[in-house]
Amino acid sequence: MTESGWQAWELLAGAIGAIRIGPRGGIIGLDLPALLIQAEALGYDQPLLARLLPFAERGMVAGSAKVQTET
């Protein structure tokens, strides 16, 4: 994994407070501005993470929706 990939993974792994949960308990998105503030504080590459994190967000939302429909 690239350095930027590790940075994105670290942000997402510690993002419990930045995950937006819908009324039925599924993930509806991430608080991307909060994650980018964290990235800045950690000295991470904000412009690159601003491009990567939305893709991670889409995957998390899709995975959560799949779990919601299976249960």
PDB file of N, CA and C in Angstrom:
ATOM      1  N   MET A   1       0.850  -1.170   0.000  1.00  0.00           N
ATOM      2  CA  MET A   1       0.000   0.000   0.000  1.00  0.00           C
ATOM      3  C   MET A   1       0.900   1.238   0.000  1.00  0.00           C
ATOM      4  N   THR A   2       0.452   2.265  -0.676  1.00  0.00           N
ATOM      5  CA  THR A   2       1.222   3.509  -0.740  1.00  0.00           C
ATOM      6  C   THR A   2       1.136   4.261   0.585  1.00  0.00           C
ATOM      7  N   GLU A   3       2.000   5.242   0.741  1.00  0.00           N
ATOM      8  CA  GLU A   3       1.976   6.087   1.947  1.00  0.00           C
ATOM      9  C   GLU A   3       0.617   6.774   2.082  1.00  0.00           C
ATOM     10  N   SER A   4       0.091   7.279   0.982  1.00  0.00           N
ATOM     11  CA  SER A   4      -1.223   7.935   1.023  1.00  0.00           C
ATOM     12  C   SER A   4      -2.321   6.944   1.366  1.00  0.00           C
ATOM     13  N   GLY A   5      -2.183   5.721   0.884  1.00  0.00           N
ATOM     14  CA  GLY A   5      -3.150   4.682   1.238  1.00  0.00           C
ATOM     15  C   GLY A   5      -3.142   4.403   2.726  1.00  0.00           C
ATOM     16  N   TRP A   6      -1.937   4.345   3.311  1.00  0.00           N
ATOM     17  CA  TRP A   6      -1.836   4.133   4.763  1.00  0.00           C
ATOM     18  C   TRP A   6      -2.433   5.303   5.531  1.00  0.00           C
ATOM     19  N   GLN A   7      -2.212   6.509   5.032  1.00  0.00           N
ATOM     20  CA  GLN A   7      -2.775   7.685   5.698  1.00  0.00           C
ATOM     21  C   GLN A   7      -4.302   7.617   5.685  1.00  0.00           C
ATOM     22  N   ALA A   8      -4.871   7.281   4.533  1.00  0.00           N
ATOM     23  CA  ALA A   8      -6.330   7.165   4.434  1.00  0.00           C
ATOM     24  C   ALA A   8      -6.838   6.067   5.355  1.00  0.00           C
ATOM     25  N   TRP A   9      -6.150   4.927   5.371  1.00  0.00           N
ATOM     26  CA  TRP A   9      -6.566   3.812   6.228  1.00  0.00           C
ATOM     27  C   TRP A   9      -6.531   4.217   7.701  1.00  0.00           C
ATOM     28  N   GLU A  10      -5.460   4.891   8.119  1.00  0.00           N
ATOM     29  CA  GLU A  10      -5.345   5.306   9.516  1.00  0.00           C
ATOM     30  C   GLU A  10      -6.467   6.267   9.899  1.00  0.00           C
ATOM     31  N   LEU A  11      -6.782   7.208   9.014  1.00  0.00           N
ATOM     32  CA  LEU A  11      -7.881   8.136   9.298  1.00  0.00           C
ATOM     33  C   LEU A  11      -9.201   7.388   9.431  1.00  0.00           C
ATOM     34  N   LEU A  12      -9.459   6.460   8.512  1.00  0.00           N
ATOM     35  CA  LEU A  12     -10.725   5.729   8.534  1.00  0.00           C
ATOM     36  C   LEU A  12     -10.814   4.776   9.717  1.00  0.00           C
ATOM     37  N   ALA A  13      -9.704   4.170  10.089  1.00  0.00           N
ATOM     38  CA  ALA A  13      -9.711   3.234  11.219  1.00  0.00           C
ATOM     39  C   ALA A  13     -10.027   3.948  12.528  1.00  0.00           C
ATOM     40  N   GLY A  14      -9.671   5.208  12.619  1.00  0.00           N
ATOM     41  CA  GLY A  14      -9.952   5.969  13.833  1.00  0.00           C
ATOM     42  C   GLY A  14     -11.105   6.934  13.667  1.00  0.00           C
ATOM     43  N   ALA A  15     -11.945   6.708  12.666  1.00  0.00           N
ATOM     44  CA  ALA A  15     -12.977   7.678  12.304  1.00  0.00           C
ATOM     45  C   ALA A  15     -14.322   7.450  12.966  1.00  0.00           C
ATOM     46  N   ILE A  16     -14.370   6.715  14.059  1.00  0.00           N
ATOM     47  CA  ILE A  16     -15.669   6.384  14.648  1.00  0.00           C
ATOM     48  C   ILE A  16     -16.521   7.633  14.893  1.00  0.00           C
ATOM     49  N   GLY A  17     -15.910   8.721  15.275  1.00  0.00           N
ATOM     50  CA  GLY A  17     -16.663   9.954  15.503  1.00  0.00           C
ATOM     51  C   GLY A  17     -17.002  10.698  14.231  1.00  0.00           C
ATOM     52  N   ALA A  18     -16.398  10.312  13.118  1.00  0.00           N
ATOM     53  CA  ALA A  18     -16.634  10.997  11.850  1.00  0.00           C
ATOM     54  C   ALA A  18     -17.554  10.212  10.923  1.00  0.00           C
ATOM     55  N   ILE A  19     -18.110   9.118  11.426  1.00  0.00           N
ATOM     56  CA  ILE A  19     -19.048   8.325  10.625  1.00  0.00           C
ATOM     57  C   ILE A  19     -20.457   8.828  10.896  1.00  0.00           C
ATOM     58  N   ARG A  20     -21.173   9.158   9.839  1.00  0.00           N
ATOM     59  CA  ARG A  20     -22.561   9.618   9.981  1.00  0.00           C
ATOM     60  C   ARG A  20     -23.477   8.406   9.873  1.00  0.00           C
ATOM     61  N   ILE A  21     -24.293   8.230  10.886  1.00  0.00           N
ATOM     62  CA  ILE A  21     -25.202   7.084  10.964  1.00  0.00           C
ATOM     63  C   ILE A  21     -26.633   7.563  10.714  1.00  0.00           C
ATOM     64  N   GLY A  22     -27.358   6.831   9.877  1.00  0.00           N
ATOM     65  CA  GLY A  22     -28.743   7.169   9.575  1.00  0.00           C
ATOM     66  C   GLY A  22     -29.698   6.667  10.643  1.00  0.00           C
ATOM     67  N   PRO A  23     -30.979   6.995  10.507  1.00  0.00           N
ATOM     68  CA  PRO A  23     -31.974   6.620  11.515  1.00  0.00           C
ATOM     69  C   PRO A  23     -32.164   5.111  11.668  1.00  0.00           C
ATOM     70  N   ARG A  24     -31.816   4.347  10.653  1.00  0.00           N
ATOM     71  CA  ARG A  24     -31.950   2.886  10.740  1.00  0.00           C
ATOM     72  C   ARG A  24     -30.646   2.203  11.120  1.00  0.00           C
ATOM     73  N   GLY A  25     -29.643   2.992  11.459  1.00  0.00           N
ATOM     74  CA  GLY A  25     -28.383   2.435  11.921  1.00  0.00           C
ATOM     75  C   GLY A  25     -27.339   2.202  10.858  1.00  0.00           C
ATOM     76  N   GLY A  26     -27.652   2.503   9.617  1.00  0.00           N
ATOM     77  CA  GLY A  26     -26.680   2.313   8.541  1.00  0.00           C
ATOM     78  C   GLY A  26     -25.785   3.528   8.372  1.00  0.00           C
ATOM     79  N   ILE A  27     -24.639   3.310   7.768  1.00  0.00           N
ATOM     80  CA  ILE A  27     -23.715   4.409   7.488  1.00  0.00           C
ATOM     81  C   ILE A  27     -24.251   5.197   6.298  1.00  0.00           C
ATOM     82  N   ILE A  28     -24.393   6.506   6.478  1.00  0.00           N
ATOM     83  CA  ILE A  28     -24.867   7.353   5.386  1.00  0.00           C
ATOM     84  C   ILE A  28     -23.771   8.276   4.866  1.00  0.00           C
ATOM     85  N   GLY A  29     -22.615   8.230   5.484  1.00  0.00           N
ATOM     86  CA  GLY A  29     -21.509   9.045   5.002  1.00  0.00           C
ATOM     87  C   GLY A  29     -20.459   9.265   6.069  1.00  0.00           C
ATOM     88  N   LEU A  30     -19.473  10.045   5.689  1.00  0.00           N
ATOM     89  CA  LEU A  30     -18.392  10.421   6.594  1.00  0.00           C
ATOM     90  C   LEU A  30     -18.384  11.936   6.741  1.00  0.00           C
ATOM     91  N   ASP A  31     -17.904  12.406   7.859  1.00  0.00           N
ATOM     92  CA  ASP A  31     -17.706  13.838   8.057  1.00  0.00           C
ATOM     93  C   ASP A  31     -16.347  14.174   7.445  1.00  0.00           C
ATOM     94  N   LEU A  32     -16.352  14.364   6.133  1.00  0.00           N
ATOM     95  CA  LEU A  32     -15.098  14.570   5.408  1.00  0.00           C
ATOM     96  C   LEU A  32     -14.335  15.809   5.882  1.00  0.00           C
ATOM     97  N   PRO A  33     -14.996  16.944   6.158  1.00  0.00           N
ATOM     98  CA  PRO A  33     -14.229  18.087   6.676  1.00  0.00           C
ATOM     99  C   PRO A  33     -13.497  17.760   7.985  1.00  0.00           C
ATOM    100  N   ALA A  34     -14.146  17.017   8.869  1.00  0.00           N
ATOM    101  CA  ALA A  34     -13.489  16.640  10.129  1.00  0.00           C
ATOM    102  C   ALA A  34     -12.288  15.739   9.865  1.00  0.00           C
ATOM    103  N   LEU A  35     -12.419  14.816   8.928  1.00  0.00           N
ATOM    104  CA  LEU A  35     -11.298  13.932   8.601  1.00  0.00           C
ATOM    105  C   LEU A  35     -10.137  14.709   7.984  1.00  0.00           C
ATOM    106  N   LEU A  36     -10.449  15.708   7.185  1.00  0.00           N
ATOM    107  CA  LEU A  36      -9.380  16.506   6.580  1.00  0.00           C
ATOM    108  C   LEU A  36      -8.690  17.393   7.614  1.00  0.00           C
ATOM    109  N   ILE A  37      -9.420  17.841   8.619  1.00  0.00           N
ATOM    110  CA  ILE A  37      -8.800  18.587   9.723  1.00  0.00           C
ATOM    111  C   ILE A  37      -7.846  17.672  10.481  1.00  0.00           C
ATOM    112  N   GLN A  38      -8.273  16.436  10.719  1.00  0.00           N
ATOM    113  CA  GLN A  38      -7.392  15.464  11.372  1.00  0.00           C
ATOM    114  C   GLN A  38      -6.153  15.210  10.512  1.00  0.00           C
ATOM    115  N   ALA A  39      -6.356  15.087   9.213  1.00  0.00           N
ATOM    116  CA  ALA A  39      -5.232  14.855   8.301  1.00  0.00           C
ATOM    117  C   ALA A  39      -4.228  16.002   8.384  1.00  0.00           C
ATOM    118  N   GLU A  40      -4.735  17.217   8.431  1.00  0.00           N
ATOM    119  CA  GLU A  40      -3.851  18.382   8.546  1.00  0.00           C
ATOM    120  C   GLU A  40      -3.060  18.331   9.854  1.00  0.00           C
ATOM    121  N   ALA A  41      -3.741  18.000  10.945  1.00  0.00           N
ATOM    122  CA  ALA A  41      -3.078  17.930  12.250  1.00  0.00           C
ATOM    123  C   ALA A  41      -1.982  16.868  12.270  1.00  0.00           C
ATOM    124  N   LEU A  42      -2.175  15.806  11.504  1.00  0.00           N
ATOM    125  CA  LEU A  42      -1.198  14.718  11.459  1.00  0.00           C
ATOM    126  C   LEU A  42      -0.111  14.933  10.404  1.00  0.00           C
ATOM    127  N   GLY A  43      -0.225  16.025   9.655  1.00  0.00           N
ATOM    128  CA  GLY A  43       0.764  16.316   8.619  1.00  0.00           C
ATOM    129  C   GLY A  43       0.589  15.484   7.363  1.00  0.00           C
ATOM    130  N   TYR A  44      -0.617  14.977   7.134  1.00  0.00           N
ATOM    131  CA  TYR A  44      -0.891  14.140   5.972  1.00  0.00           C
ATOM    132  C   TYR A  44      -1.162  14.997   4.737  1.00  0.00           C
ATOM    133  N   ASP A  45      -1.150  14.363   3.601  1.00  0.00           N
ATOM    134  CA  ASP A  45      -1.363  15.012   2.310  1.00  0.00           C
ATOM    135  C   ASP A  45      -2.860  15.278   2.110  1.00  0.00           C
ATOM    136  N   GLN A  46      -3.311  16.463   2.527  1.00  0.00           N
ATOM    137  CA  GLN A  46      -4.743  16.791   2.457  1.00  0.00           C
ATOM    138  C   GLN A  46      -5.322  16.767   1.044  1.00  0.00           C
ATOM    139  N   PRO A  47      -4.666  17.374   0.056  1.00  0.00           N
ATOM    140  CA  PRO A  47      -5.259  17.352  -1.285  1.00  0.00           C
ATOM    141  C   PRO A  47      -5.479  15.932  -1.812  1.00  0.00           C
ATOM    142  N   LEU A  48      -4.522  15.061  -1.568  1.00  0.00           N
ATOM    143  CA  LEU A  48      -4.676  13.683  -2.034  1.00  0.00           C
ATOM    144  C   LEU A  48      -5.771  12.964  -1.253  1.00  0.00           C
ATOM    145  N   LEU A  49      -5.805  13.158   0.058  1.00  0.00           N
ATOM    146  CA  LEU A  49      -6.845  12.516   0.869  1.00  0.00           C
ATOM    147  C   LEU A  49      -8.232  13.059   0.523  1.00  0.00           C
ATOM    148  N   ALA A  50      -8.296  14.322   0.124  1.00  0.00           N
ATOM    149  CA  ALA A  50      -9.580  14.894  -0.300  1.00  0.00           C
ATOM    150  C   ALA A  50     -10.100  14.177  -1.540  1.00  0.00           C
ATOM    151  N   ARG A  51      -9.196  13.619  -2.336  1.00  0.00           N
ATOM    152  CA  ARG A  51      -9.612  12.836  -3.503  1.00  0.00           C
ATOM    153  C   ARG A  51      -9.882  11.377  -3.150  1.00  0.00           C
ATOM    154  N   LEU A  52      -9.140  10.810  -2.197  1.00  0.00           N
ATOM    155  CA  LEU A  52      -9.290   9.391  -1.851  1.00  0.00           C
ATOM    156  C   LEU A  52     -10.486   9.102  -0.946  1.00  0.00           C
ATOM    157  N   LEU A  53     -10.692   9.932   0.058  1.00  0.00           N
ATOM    158  CA  LEU A  53     -11.705   9.630   1.072  1.00  0.00           C
ATOM    159  C   LEU A  53     -13.133   9.506   0.528  1.00  0.00           C
ATOM    160  N   PRO A  54     -13.540  10.294  -0.476  1.00  0.00           N
ATOM    161  CA  PRO A  54     -14.890  10.087  -1.009  1.00  0.00           C
ATOM    162  C   PRO A  54     -15.107   8.684  -1.589  1.00  0.00           C
ATOM    163  N   PHE A  55     -14.058   8.085  -2.147  1.00  0.00           N
ATOM    164  CA  PHE A  55     -14.187   6.715  -2.653  1.00  0.00           C
ATOM    165  C   PHE A  55     -14.365   5.733  -1.502  1.00  0.00           C
ATOM    166  N   ALA A  56     -13.620   5.947  -0.431  1.00  0.00           N
ATOM    167  CA  ALA A  56     -13.777   5.106   0.760  1.00  0.00           C
ATOM    168  C   ALA A  56     -15.179   5.279   1.338  1.00  0.00           C
ATOM    169  N   GLU A  57     -15.657   6.518   1.337  1.00  0.00           N
ATOM    170  CA  GLU A  57     -17.001   6.798   1.843  1.00  0.00           C
ATOM    171  C   GLU A  57     -18.045   6.025   1.034  1.00  0.00           C
ATOM    172  N   ARG A  58     -17.923   6.047  -0.287  1.00  0.00           N
ATOM    173  CA  ARG A  58     -18.878   5.319  -1.134  1.00  0.00           C
ATOM    174  C   ARG A  58     -18.867   3.834  -0.830  1.00  0.00           C
ATOM    175  N   GLY A  59     -17.683   3.271  -0.641  1.00  0.00           N
ATOM    176  CA  GLY A  59     -17.576   1.853  -0.313  1.00  0.00           C
ATOM    177  C   GLY A  59     -18.205   1.528   1.028  1.00  0.00           C
ATOM    178  N   MET A  60     -17.989   2.384   2.015  1.00  0.00           N
ATOM    179  CA  MET A  60     -18.573   2.153   3.341  1.00  0.00           C
ATOM    180  C   MET A  60     -20.096   2.246   3.292  1.00  0.00           C
ATOM    181  N   VAL A  61     -20.611   3.225   2.571  1.00  0.00           N
ATOM    182  CA  VAL A  61     -22.064   3.390   2.451  1.00  0.00           C
ATOM    183  C   VAL A  61     -22.665   2.195   1.716  1.00  0.00           C
ATOM    184  N   ALA A  62     -22.031   1.766   0.630  1.00  0.00           N
ATOM    185  CA  ALA A  62     -22.539   0.616  -0.132  1.00  0.00           C
ATOM    186  C   ALA A  62     -22.502  -0.653   0.710  1.00  0.00           C
ATOM    187  N   GLY A  63     -21.418  -0.876   1.435  1.00  0.00           N
ATOM    188  CA  GLY A  63     -21.313  -2.055   2.294  1.00  0.00           C
ATOM    189  C   GLY A  63     -22.345  -2.047   3.399  1.00  0.00           C
ATOM    190  N   SER A  64     -22.563  -0.887   3.984  1.00  0.00           N
ATOM    191  CA  SER A  64     -23.565  -0.772   5.042  1.00  0.00           C
ATOM    192  C   SER A  64     -24.967  -1.025   4.490  1.00  0.00           C
ATOM    193  N   ALA A  65     -25.247  -0.489   3.299  1.00  0.00           N
ATOM    194  CA  ALA A  65     -26.559  -0.698   2.680  1.00  0.00           C
ATOM    195  C   ALA A  65     -26.784  -2.171   2.380  1.00  0.00           C
ATOM    196  N   LYS A  66     -25.738  -2.851   1.935  1.00  0.00           N
ATOM    197  CA  LYS A  66     -25.855  -4.280   1.642  1.00  0.00           C
ATOM    198  C   LYS A  66     -26.185  -5.059   2.912  1.00  0.00           C
ATOM    199  N   VAL A  67     -25.505  -4.747   3.991  1.00  0.00           N
ATOM    200  CA  VAL A  67     -25.772  -5.422   5.269  1.00  0.00           C
ATOM    201  C   VAL A  67     -27.193  -5.122   5.734  1.00  0.00           C
ATOM    202  N   GLN A  68     -27.640  -3.877   5.559  1.00  0.00           N
ATOM    203  CA  GLN A  68     -28.985  -3.487   5.985  1.00  0.00           C
ATOM    204  C   GLN A  68     -30.054  -4.265   5.223  1.00  0.00           C
ATOM    205  N   THR A  69     -29.831  -4.506   3.931  1.00  0.00           N
ATOM    206  CA  THR A  69     -30.839  -5.217   3.144  1.00  0.00           C
ATOM    207  C   THR A  69     -30.807  -6.721   3.391  1.00  0.00           C
ATOM    208  N   GLU A  70     -29.668  -7.236   3.850  1.00  0.00           N
ATOM    209  CA  GLU A  70     -29.558  -8.677   4.113  1.00  0.00           C
ATOM    210  C   GLU A  70     -30.158  -9.068   5.457  1.00  0.00           C
ATOM    211  N   THR A  71     -30.330  -8.103   6.344  1.00  0.00           N
ATOM    212  CA  THR A  71     -30.867  -8.428   7.676  1.00  0.00           C
ATOM    213  C   THR A  71     -32.311  -8.029   7.811  1.00  0.00           C
TER     214      THR A  71
END
